[in-house]
Amino acid sequence: RKMKSEVPKDEVRANSTLTIGKDQAKTQQAFESSKDPTECYKVRFAAEQVSHHPPVSGFYCECKERKICANAHVWTKSKFMGMSIGVTMAGEGVLFLGEHDEEYVFTLPCAYARSILTVPWVELGGKVSINCAKSGYSAAVTFHTKPFYGGKVHRVTAEVKYNPTNTIVCKAQGEWNGTLEFTYSNGETKVIDTTKLPVIRKKIRPIKKQGLFESRRLWELVTNALQDGNIGAATEYKHLLEERQRVEERQRAATNTLWKPKYFRKEGDGWVYYSPLWKTHC
């Protein structure tokens, strides 16, 4: 799957942070009315299932103009917990900042689907680490799940440490989908309201122009049936698609043909996009 978004340049600060507090409708209007491609930063995204056993997916996004990209691979482990389903996100990602020639390696939180038999809702939980070997900084981020009685949802806390001196330089707290407050060791504070960040509509090719294995085209009949509320048809289409994939897998096994991803290459224990910014020198 490949897609892109175009972000108006006047919505991006010099320090690579999206402008906070502007009206989202105004941002979308500026995006829609922008006719000159030079007025926008393009963010490109690609994702692909790179392995079937185990089922591993690769993700990559980049903004060449800002010399920023991120690459990740992940596979999930699910378990039922009464009225909830927990999903462990195994794997890791790398954020590359070309202007500083720095790489930040990060892990991913767990996801939980709660009240699955009544009114379902989703939250994140667990610990995430972020490390940059070059700068010497690291961060420990904790996504707090809601207590059984009382308590707030979507809470997150974090500490940023300068490893050479083992010094805490910043602490953060708040809601990962709401307001976050950052307190620095010099007493300075900053607040980010994620609900006021501009939302930019992504662009994708029409389904008929997509590749045969792109998600929207591959699952088009299933999606259409679900949108029509026809669960029986959706189940049948899903079964036919999965059976076709099983037949293709048996054919590859019979001919000793390995599955070869289109956009990602195996490197060590992970998967990397075939042409990331850090390999093309930005």
C-alpha atoms as a PDB file:
ATOM      1  CA  ARG A   1       0.000   0.000   0.000  1.00  0.00           C
ATOM      2  CA  LYS A   2       1.357   3.409  -0.945  1.00  0.00           C
ATOM      3  CA  MET A   3      -0.124   6.840  -0.343  1.00  0.00           C
ATOM      4  CA  LYS A   4       0.902  10.438   0.220  1.00  0.00           C
ATOM      5  CA  SER A   5      -0.261  13.666   1.847  1.00  0.00           C
ATOM      6  CA  GLU A   6       0.634  17.253   1.074  1.00  0.00           C
ATOM      7  CA  VAL A   7       1.115  19.552   4.067  1.00  0.00           C
ATOM      8  CA  PRO A   8       1.020  23.337   3.480  1.00  0.00           C
ATOM      9  CA  LYS A   9       4.470  24.736   4.310  1.00  0.00           C
ATOM     10  CA  ASP A  10       3.011  27.577   6.363  1.00  0.00           C
ATOM     11  CA  GLU A  11       1.611  24.928   8.748  1.00  0.00           C
ATOM     12  CA  VAL A  12       5.109  23.648   9.581  1.00  0.00           C
ATOM     13  CA  ARG A  13       7.479  25.411  11.961  1.00  0.00           C
ATOM     14  CA  ALA A  14      11.195  25.709  11.366  1.00  0.00           C
ATOM     15  CA  ASN A  15      11.838  23.224  14.161  1.00  0.00           C
ATOM     16  CA  SER A  16       9.843  20.540  12.326  1.00  0.00           C
ATOM     17  CA  THR A  17       6.845  20.842  14.662  1.00  0.00           C
ATOM     18  CA  LEU A  18       3.373  21.305  13.222  1.00  0.00           C
ATOM     19  CA  THR A  19       1.785  24.641  14.102  1.00  0.00           C
ATOM     20  CA  ILE A  20      -0.415  24.294  17.185  1.00  0.00           C
ATOM     21  CA  GLY A  21      -3.749  25.918  17.805  1.00  0.00           C
ATOM     22  CA  LYS A  22      -4.861  26.745  14.260  1.00  0.00           C
ATOM     23  CA  ASP A  23      -8.360  25.868  13.173  1.00  0.00           C
ATOM     24  CA  GLN A  24      -8.421  22.522  11.364  1.00  0.00           C
ATOM     25  CA  ALA A  25     -11.026  23.665   8.857  1.00  0.00           C
ATOM     26  CA  LYS A  26      -8.794  26.589   7.898  1.00  0.00           C
ATOM     27  CA  THR A  27      -5.861  24.202   7.500  1.00  0.00           C
ATOM     28  CA  GLN A  28      -7.869  21.885   5.271  1.00  0.00           C
ATOM     29  CA  GLN A  29      -9.097  24.826   3.205  1.00  0.00           C
ATOM     30  CA  ALA A  30      -5.524  26.023   2.725  1.00  0.00           C
ATOM     31  CA  PHE A  31      -4.544  22.552   1.608  1.00  0.00           C
ATOM     32  CA  GLU A  32      -7.429  22.185  -0.827  1.00  0.00           C
ATOM     33  CA  SER A  33      -6.890  25.627  -2.359  1.00  0.00           C
ATOM     34  CA  SER A  34      -3.140  25.198  -2.815  1.00  0.00           C
ATOM     35  CA  LYS A  35      -2.486  24.796  -6.528  1.00  0.00           C
ATOM     36  CA  ASP A  36       1.263  25.247  -6.474  1.00  0.00           C
ATOM     37  CA  PRO A  37       3.079  21.999  -5.493  1.00  0.00           C
ATOM     38  CA  THR A  38       6.001  24.070  -4.188  1.00  0.00           C
ATOM     39  CA  GLU A  39       3.727  25.402  -1.429  1.00  0.00           C
ATOM     40  CA  CYS A  40       3.401  21.958   0.174  1.00  0.00           C
ATOM     41  CA  TYR A  41       5.594  19.381   1.847  1.00  0.00           C
ATOM     42  CA  LYS A  42       4.845  15.880   0.566  1.00  0.00           C
ATOM     43  CA  VAL A  43       4.663  13.011   3.042  1.00  0.00           C
ATOM     44  CA  ARG A  44       4.805   9.599   1.375  1.00  0.00           C
ATOM     45  CA  PHE A  45       3.791   6.339   3.081  1.00  0.00           C
ATOM     46  CA  ALA A  46       4.220   2.678   2.147  1.00  0.00           C
ATOM     47  CA  ALA A  47       3.241  -0.503   3.999  1.00  0.00           C
ATOM     48  CA  GLU A  48       3.554  -4.156   3.069  1.00  0.00           C
ATOM     49  CA  GLN A  49       3.185  -7.577   4.662  1.00  0.00           C
ATOM     50  CA  VAL A  50       6.749  -8.801   4.392  1.00  0.00           C
ATOM     51  CA  SER A  51       6.345 -12.213   6.014  1.00  0.00           C
ATOM     52  CA  HIS A  52       3.441 -14.640   6.364  1.00  0.00           C
ATOM     53  CA  HIS A  53       4.877 -16.998   9.004  1.00  0.00           C
ATOM     54  CA  PRO A  54       5.096 -15.127  11.292  1.00  0.00           C
ATOM     55  CA  PRO A  55       2.864 -12.346   9.889  1.00  0.00           C
ATOM     56  CA  VAL A  56       5.168  -9.307   9.844  1.00  0.00           C
ATOM     57  CA  SER A  57       4.336  -5.922   8.295  1.00  0.00           C
ATOM     58  CA  GLY A  58       6.776  -3.229   7.219  1.00  0.00           C
ATOM     59  CA  PHE A  59       5.995   0.507   7.317  1.00  0.00           C
ATOM     60  CA  TYR A  60       7.849   3.466   5.867  1.00  0.00           C
ATOM     61  CA  CYS A  61       7.095   7.186   5.555  1.00  0.00           C
ATOM     62  CA  GLU A  62       9.213  10.133   4.457  1.00  0.00           C
ATOM     63  CA  CYS A  63       9.243  13.851   3.826  1.00  0.00           C
ATOM     64  CA  LYS A  64      12.164  14.523   1.499  1.00  0.00           C
ATOM     65  CA  GLU A  65      11.847  18.297   1.795  1.00  0.00           C
ATOM     66  CA  ARG A  66      12.295  18.112   5.578  1.00  0.00           C
ATOM     67  CA  LYS A  67      14.838  15.250   5.365  1.00  0.00           C
ATOM     68  CA  ILE A  68      12.793  13.124   7.754  1.00  0.00           C
ATOM     69  CA  CYS A  69      11.793   9.473   7.452  1.00  0.00           C
ATOM     70  CA  ALA A  70      10.633   6.595   9.642  1.00  0.00           C
ATOM     71  CA  ASN A  71      10.937   2.862   9.066  1.00  0.00           C
ATOM     72  CA  ALA A  72       9.338   0.136  11.202  1.00  0.00           C
ATOM     73  CA  HIS A  73       8.478  -3.544  11.217  1.00  0.00           C
ATOM     74  CA  VAL A  74       5.908  -5.093  13.524  1.00  0.00           C
ATOM     75  CA  TRP A  75       4.056  -8.302  14.226  1.00  0.00           C
ATOM     76  CA  THR A  76       1.272  -8.800  16.719  1.00  0.00           C
ATOM     77  CA  LYS A  77       0.483 -11.290  19.463  1.00  0.00           C
ATOM     78  CA  SER A  78      -3.136 -11.315  20.642  1.00  0.00           C
ATOM     79  CA  LYS A  79      -4.776 -12.704  23.765  1.00  0.00           C
ATOM     80  CA  PHE A  80      -8.288 -12.666  25.187  1.00  0.00           C
ATOM     81  CA  MET A  81      -8.792 -11.248  28.675  1.00  0.00           C
ATOM     82  CA  GLY A  82     -12.458 -11.659  29.548  1.00  0.00           C
ATOM     83  CA  MET A  83     -14.189  -8.590  28.112  1.00  0.00           C
ATOM     84  CA  SER A  84     -10.991  -7.334  26.454  1.00  0.00           C
ATOM     85  CA  ILE A  85      -8.500  -8.272  23.766  1.00  0.00           C
ATOM     86  CA  GLY A  86      -4.826  -7.383  24.233  1.00  0.00           C
ATOM     87  CA  VAL A  87      -2.465  -6.986  21.289  1.00  0.00           C
ATOM     88  CA  THR A  88       1.296  -6.891  21.807  1.00  0.00           C
ATOM     89  CA  MET A  89       3.121  -4.929  19.094  1.00  0.00           C
ATOM     90  CA  ALA A  90       6.459  -6.699  18.701  1.00  0.00           C
ATOM     91  CA  GLY A  91       9.171  -5.095  16.596  1.00  0.00           C
ATOM     92  CA  GLU A  92      10.757  -1.661  16.441  1.00  0.00           C
ATOM     93  CA  GLY A  93      11.109   1.451  14.326  1.00  0.00           C
ATOM     94  CA  VAL A  94      13.737   4.019  13.394  1.00  0.00           C
ATOM     95  CA  LEU A  95      13.134   7.758  12.993  1.00  0.00           C
ATOM     96  CA  PHE A  96      15.840   9.465  10.890  1.00  0.00           C
ATOM     97  CA  LEU A  97      16.433  13.232  11.090  1.00  0.00           C
ATOM     98  CA  GLY A  98      18.601  14.108   8.100  1.00  0.00           C
ATOM     99  CA  GLU A  99      19.364  17.671   9.167  1.00  0.00           C
ATOM    100  CA  HIS A 100      21.059  16.340  12.318  1.00  0.00           C
ATOM    101  CA  ASP A 101      22.151  12.954  10.918  1.00  0.00           C
ATOM    102  CA  GLU A 102      20.512  11.268  13.921  1.00  0.00           C
ATOM    103  CA  GLU A 103      18.606   7.991  14.222  1.00  0.00           C
ATOM    104  CA  TYR A 104      16.078   7.399  16.995  1.00  0.00           C
ATOM    105  CA  VAL A 105      15.214   3.740  17.611  1.00  0.00           C
ATOM    106  CA  PHE A 106      11.806   3.210  19.232  1.00  0.00           C
ATOM    107  CA  THR A 107       9.529   0.381  20.337  1.00  0.00           C
ATOM    108  CA  LEU A 108       5.715   0.296  20.242  1.00  0.00           C
ATOM    109  CA  PRO A 109       3.020   0.147  22.957  1.00  0.00           C
ATOM    110  CA  CYS A 110       0.424  -2.577  23.374  1.00  0.00           C
ATOM    111  CA  ALA A 111      -3.169  -1.988  22.241  1.00  0.00           C
ATOM    112  CA  TYR A 112      -6.301  -3.082  24.094  1.00  0.00           C
ATOM    113  CA  ALA A 113      -9.875  -3.407  22.834  1.00  0.00           C
ATOM    114  CA  ARG A 114     -12.134  -3.004  25.865  1.00  0.00           C
ATOM    115  CA  SER A 115     -15.824  -3.886  26.443  1.00  0.00           C
ATOM    116  CA  ILE A 116     -15.922  -5.948  23.246  1.00  0.00           C
ATOM    117  CA  LEU A 117     -19.418  -7.297  23.988  1.00  0.00           C
ATOM    118  CA  THR A 118     -21.014  -3.939  24.811  1.00  0.00           C
ATOM    119  CA  VAL A 119     -19.622  -0.572  23.658  1.00  0.00           C
ATOM    120  CA  PRO A 120     -16.069  -1.241  22.428  1.00  0.00           C
ATOM    121  CA  TRP A 121     -13.279   1.282  22.926  1.00  0.00           C
ATOM    122  CA  VAL A 122      -9.515   1.176  22.455  1.00  0.00           C
ATOM    123  CA  GLU A 123      -6.590   2.233  24.643  1.00  0.00           C
ATOM    124  CA  LEU A 124      -2.804   1.898  24.627  1.00  0.00           C
ATOM    125  CA  GLY A 125      -0.707   0.469  27.440  1.00  0.00           C
ATOM    126  CA  GLY A 126       2.825  -0.526  28.322  1.00  0.00           C
ATOM    127  CA  LYS A 127       6.330   0.918  28.185  1.00  0.00           C
ATOM    128  CA  VAL A 128       8.064   2.352  25.106  1.00  0.00           C
ATOM    129  CA  SER A 129      11.743   3.215  24.743  1.00  0.00           C
ATOM    130  CA  ILE A 130      13.338   5.781  22.412  1.00  0.00           C
ATOM    131  CA  ASN A 131      17.130   5.902  22.006  1.00  0.00           C
ATOM    132  CA  CYS A 132      19.587   7.960  19.973  1.00  0.00           C
ATOM    133  CA  ALA A 133      23.172   6.654  20.126  1.00  0.00           C
ATOM    134  CA  LYS A 134      24.675   9.749  18.482  1.00  0.00           C
ATOM    135  CA  SER A 135      23.117  12.411  20.725  1.00  0.00           C
ATOM    136  CA  GLY A 136      23.228  10.313  23.891  1.00  0.00           C
ATOM    137  CA  TYR A 137      19.575  11.004  24.693  1.00  0.00           C
ATOM    138  CA  SER A 138      16.954   8.389  25.516  1.00  0.00           C
ATOM    139  CA  ALA A 139      13.331   8.454  26.630  1.00  0.00           C
ATOM    140  CA  ALA A 140      11.179   6.067  28.651  1.00  0.00           C
ATOM    141  CA  VAL A 141       7.476   6.470  27.854  1.00  0.00           C
ATOM    142  CA  THR A 142       4.674   4.764  29.783  1.00  0.00           C
ATOM    143  CA  PHE A 143       1.142   4.439  28.407  1.00  0.00           C
ATOM    144  CA  HIS A 144      -1.155   3.943  31.409  1.00  0.00           C
ATOM    145  CA  THR A 145      -4.238   1.763  31.072  1.00  0.00           C
ATOM    146  CA  LYS A 146      -7.399   2.871  32.837  1.00  0.00           C
ATOM    147  CA  PRO A 147      -7.818   1.436  36.356  1.00  0.00           C
ATOM    148  CA  PHE A 148     -10.798  -0.857  36.914  1.00  0.00           C
ATOM    149  CA  TYR A 149     -12.375   1.733  39.223  1.00  0.00           C
ATOM    150  CA  GLY A 150     -12.100   5.439  38.430  1.00  0.00           C
ATOM    151  CA  GLY A 151      -9.042   7.003  36.886  1.00  0.00           C
ATOM    152  CA  LYS A 152      -8.472   8.745  33.560  1.00  0.00           C
ATOM    153  CA  VAL A 153      -8.119   7.162  30.148  1.00  0.00           C
ATOM    154  CA  HIS A 154      -5.272   7.559  27.652  1.00  0.00           C
ATOM    155  CA  ARG A 155      -2.754   8.819  30.236  1.00  0.00           C
ATOM    156  CA  VAL A 156       0.912   8.910  29.332  1.00  0.00           C
ATOM    157  CA  THR A 157       4.060   9.891  31.241  1.00  0.00           C
ATOM    158  CA  ALA A 158       7.651  10.137  30.023  1.00  0.00           C
ATOM    159  CA  GLU A 159      11.192  11.026  31.044  1.00  0.00           C
ATOM    160  CA  VAL A 160      14.020  12.121  28.744  1.00  0.00           C
ATOM    161  CA  LYS A 161      17.520  11.318  29.948  1.00  0.00           C
ATOM    162  CA  TYR A 162      20.978  12.451  28.835  1.00  0.00           C
ATOM    163  CA  ASN A 163      22.807   9.144  29.196  1.00  0.00           C
ATOM    164  CA  PRO A 164      26.456  10.341  29.544  1.00  0.00           C
ATOM    165  CA  THR A 165      25.579  12.121  32.810  1.00  0.00           C
ATOM    166  CA  ASN A 166      22.469  10.073  33.690  1.00  0.00           C
ATOM    167  CA  THR A 167      20.547  13.359  33.983  1.00  0.00           C
ATOM    168  CA  ILE A 168      16.780  13.775  33.539  1.00  0.00           C
ATOM    169  CA  VAL A 169      16.386  16.754  31.204  1.00  0.00           C
ATOM    170  CA  CYS A 170      12.634  16.654  30.568  1.00  0.00           C
ATOM    171  CA  LYS A 171       9.447  15.111  31.938  1.00  0.00           C
ATOM    172  CA  ALA A 172       6.094  14.864  30.170  1.00  0.00           C
ATOM    173  CA  GLN A 173       2.576  13.957  31.223  1.00  0.00           C
ATOM    174  CA  GLY A 174      -0.957  14.169  29.898  1.00  0.00           C
ATOM    175  CA  GLU A 175      -3.112  12.286  27.395  1.00  0.00           C
ATOM    176  CA  TRP A 176      -1.531  10.935  24.213  1.00  0.00           C
ATOM    177  CA  ASN A 177      -4.660  11.935  22.254  1.00  0.00           C
ATOM    178  CA  GLY A 178      -5.233  15.186  24.152  1.00  0.00           C
ATOM    179  CA  THR A 179      -3.046  17.721  25.965  1.00  0.00           C
ATOM    180  CA  LEU A 180       0.610  16.993  26.788  1.00  0.00           C
ATOM    181  CA  GLU A 181       2.722  19.115  29.152  1.00  0.00           C
ATOM    182  CA  PHE A 182       6.530  19.103  28.981  1.00  0.00           C
ATOM    183  CA  THR A 183       8.643  20.313  31.921  1.00  0.00           C
ATOM    184  CA  TYR A 184      12.369  20.875  31.332  1.00  0.00           C
ATOM    185  CA  SER A 185      15.183  20.799  33.877  1.00  0.00           C
ATOM    186  CA  ASN A 186      15.676  24.566  33.514  1.00  0.00           C
ATOM    187  CA  GLY A 187      12.084  25.169  34.639  1.00  0.00           C
ATOM    188  CA  GLU A 188      10.696  25.894  31.186  1.00  0.00           C
ATOM    189  CA  THR A 189       7.346  24.311  30.290  1.00  0.00           C
ATOM    190  CA  LYS A 190       5.595  23.686  26.990  1.00  0.00           C
ATOM    191  CA  VAL A 191       2.104  22.430  26.202  1.00  0.00           C
ATOM    192  CA  ILE A 192       0.920  20.646  23.066  1.00  0.00           C
ATOM    193  CA  ASP A 193      -2.778  20.097  22.400  1.00  0.00           C
ATOM    194  CA  THR A 194      -2.906  17.218  19.917  1.00  0.00           C
ATOM    195  CA  THR A 195      -6.587  17.887  19.179  1.00  0.00           C
ATOM    196  CA  LYS A 196      -5.598  21.193  17.557  1.00  0.00           C
ATOM    197  CA  LEU A 197      -2.920  19.773  15.263  1.00  0.00           C
ATOM    198  CA  PRO A 198      -3.908  20.162  11.607  1.00  0.00           C
ATOM    199  CA  VAL A 199      -5.348  17.083   9.919  1.00  0.00           C
ATOM    200  CA  ILE A 200      -4.281  16.676   6.294  1.00  0.00           C
ATOM    201  CA  ARG A 201      -6.219  14.442   3.937  1.00  0.00           C
ATOM    202  CA  LYS A 202      -4.170  11.668   2.329  1.00  0.00           C
ATOM    203  CA  LYS A 203      -4.130  11.000  -1.407  1.00  0.00           C
ATOM    204  CA  ILE A 204      -4.338   7.530  -2.923  1.00  0.00           C
ATOM    205  CA  ARG A 205      -4.708   6.233  -6.474  1.00  0.00           C
ATOM    206  CA  PRO A 206      -8.205   5.176  -7.632  1.00  0.00           C
ATOM    207  CA  ILE A 207      -8.778   1.519  -6.784  1.00  0.00           C
ATOM    208  CA  LYS A 208      -8.837   0.453 -10.446  1.00  0.00           C
ATOM    209  CA  LYS A 209      -5.349   1.935 -10.900  1.00  0.00           C
ATOM    210  CA  GLN A 210      -3.917   0.194  -7.858  1.00  0.00           C
ATOM    211  CA  GLY A 211      -1.814  -2.961  -8.001  1.00  0.00           C
ATOM    212  CA  LEU A 212      -3.534  -6.330  -7.656  1.00  0.00           C
ATOM    213  CA  PHE A 213      -2.119  -6.815  -4.148  1.00  0.00           C
ATOM    214  CA  GLU A 214      -2.765  -3.322  -2.752  1.00  0.00           C
ATOM    215  CA  SER A 215      -5.084  -3.543   0.250  1.00  0.00           C
ATOM    216  CA  ARG A 216      -7.982  -1.434  -0.978  1.00  0.00           C
ATOM    217  CA  ARG A 217      -8.187  -3.327  -4.259  1.00  0.00           C
ATOM    218  CA  LEU A 218      -7.528  -6.755  -2.770  1.00  0.00           C
ATOM    219  CA  TRP A 219     -10.237  -6.346  -0.113  1.00  0.00           C
ATOM    220  CA  GLU A 220     -12.639  -4.210  -2.183  1.00  0.00           C
ATOM    221  CA  LEU A 221     -15.481  -6.768  -2.285  1.00  0.00           C
ATOM    222  CA  VAL A 222     -15.208  -7.433   1.452  1.00  0.00           C
ATOM    223  CA  THR A 223     -15.199  -3.696   2.223  1.00  0.00           C
ATOM    224  CA  ASN A 224     -18.205  -3.007  -0.014  1.00  0.00           C
ATOM    225  CA  ALA A 225     -20.189  -5.838   1.577  1.00  0.00           C
ATOM    226  CA  LEU A 226     -19.431  -4.558   5.094  1.00  0.00           C
ATOM    227  CA  GLN A 227     -20.459  -1.031   4.098  1.00  0.00           C
ATOM    228  CA  ASP A 228     -23.752  -2.469   2.811  1.00  0.00           C
ATOM    229  CA  GLY A 229     -24.245  -4.363   6.062  1.00  0.00           C
ATOM    230  CA  ASN A 230     -24.099  -7.721   4.277  1.00  0.00           C
ATOM    231  CA  ILE A 231     -22.062  -9.771   6.759  1.00  0.00           C
ATOM    232  CA  GLY A 232     -22.740 -13.039   4.934  1.00  0.00           C
ATOM    233  CA  ALA A 233     -21.325 -11.753   1.650  1.00  0.00           C
ATOM    234  CA  ALA A 234     -18.349 -10.176   3.400  1.00  0.00           C
ATOM    235  CA  THR A 235     -17.563 -13.506   5.096  1.00  0.00           C
ATOM    236  CA  GLU A 236     -17.813 -15.358   1.785  1.00  0.00           C
ATOM    237  CA  TYR A 237     -15.564 -12.919  -0.048  1.00  0.00           C
ATOM    238  CA  LYS A 238     -13.068 -13.082   2.828  1.00  0.00           C
ATOM    239  CA  HIS A 239     -13.073 -16.888   2.688  1.00  0.00           C
ATOM    240  CA  LEU A 240     -12.515 -16.930  -1.094  1.00  0.00           C
ATOM    241  CA  LEU A 241      -9.641 -14.463  -0.805  1.00  0.00           C
ATOM    242  CA  GLU A 242      -7.936 -16.348   2.021  1.00  0.00           C
ATOM    243  CA  GLU A 243      -8.357 -19.676   0.225  1.00  0.00           C
ATOM    244  CA  ARG A 244      -6.767 -18.227  -2.899  1.00  0.00           C
ATOM    245  CA  GLN A 245      -3.831 -17.073  -0.790  1.00  0.00           C
ATOM    246  CA  ARG A 246      -3.497 -20.564   0.723  1.00  0.00           C
ATOM    247  CA  VAL A 247      -3.392 -22.080  -2.763  1.00  0.00           C
ATOM    248  CA  GLU A 248      -0.683 -19.601  -3.797  1.00  0.00           C
ATOM    249  CA  GLU A 249       1.307 -20.458  -0.662  1.00  0.00           C
ATOM    250  CA  ARG A 250       1.088 -24.209  -1.439  1.00  0.00           C
ATOM    251  CA  GLN A 251       2.268 -23.518  -4.984  1.00  0.00           C
ATOM    252  CA  ARG A 252       5.287 -21.578  -3.704  1.00  0.00           C
ATOM    253  CA  ALA A 253       6.090 -24.382  -1.254  1.00  0.00           C
ATOM    254  CA  ALA A 254       5.856 -27.018  -4.010  1.00  0.00           C
ATOM    255  CA  THR A 255       8.314 -25.088  -6.208  1.00  0.00           C
ATOM    256  CA  ASN A 256      10.555 -23.953  -3.319  1.00  0.00           C
ATOM    257  CA  THR A 257       9.772 -20.346  -4.220  1.00  0.00           C
ATOM    258  CA  LEU A 258      10.255 -17.842  -1.413  1.00  0.00           C
ATOM    259  CA  TRP A 259       7.847 -14.962  -0.875  1.00  0.00           C
ATOM    260  CA  LYS A 260       9.609 -11.796  -2.032  1.00  0.00           C
ATOM    261  CA  PRO A 261       8.322  -8.431  -0.744  1.00  0.00           C
ATOM    262  CA  LYS A 262       8.155  -5.592  -3.253  1.00  0.00           C
ATOM    263  CA  TYR A 263       9.213  -2.602  -1.118  1.00  0.00           C
ATOM    264  CA  PHE A 264      11.138  -4.021   1.850  1.00  0.00           C
ATOM    265  CA  ARG A 265      14.374  -5.957   2.277  1.00  0.00           C
ATOM    266  CA  LYS A 266      15.477  -8.172   5.190  1.00  0.00           C
ATOM    267  CA  GLU A 267      18.319  -6.673   7.232  1.00  0.00           C
ATOM    268  CA  GLY A 268      19.374  -8.566  10.345  1.00  0.00           C
ATOM    269  CA  ASP A 269      16.307  -9.205  12.481  1.00  0.00           C
ATOM    270  CA  GLY A 270      14.289  -6.432  10.843  1.00  0.00           C
ATOM    271  CA  TRP A 271      12.916  -5.176   7.542  1.00  0.00           C
ATOM    272  CA  VAL A 272      13.972  -1.958   5.822  1.00  0.00           C
ATOM    273  CA  TYR A 273      12.431  -0.008   2.946  1.00  0.00           C
ATOM    274  CA  TYR A 274      14.386  -0.593  -0.273  1.00  0.00           C
ATOM    275  CA  SER A 275      15.330   3.082  -0.692  1.00  0.00           C
ATOM    276  CA  PRO A 276      15.166   4.996   2.618  1.00  0.00           C
ATOM    277  CA  LEU A 277      16.377   8.578   2.883  1.00  0.00           C
ATOM    278  CA  TRP A 278      19.373   7.659   5.025  1.00  0.00           C
ATOM    279  CA  LYS A 279      20.682   5.498   2.154  1.00  0.00           C
ATOM    280  CA  THR A 280      20.103   8.095  -0.530  1.00  0.00           C
ATOM    281  CA  HIS A 281      21.902  10.818   1.498  1.00  0.00           C
ATOM    282  CA  CYS A 282      18.671  12.873   1.640  1.00  0.00           C
END
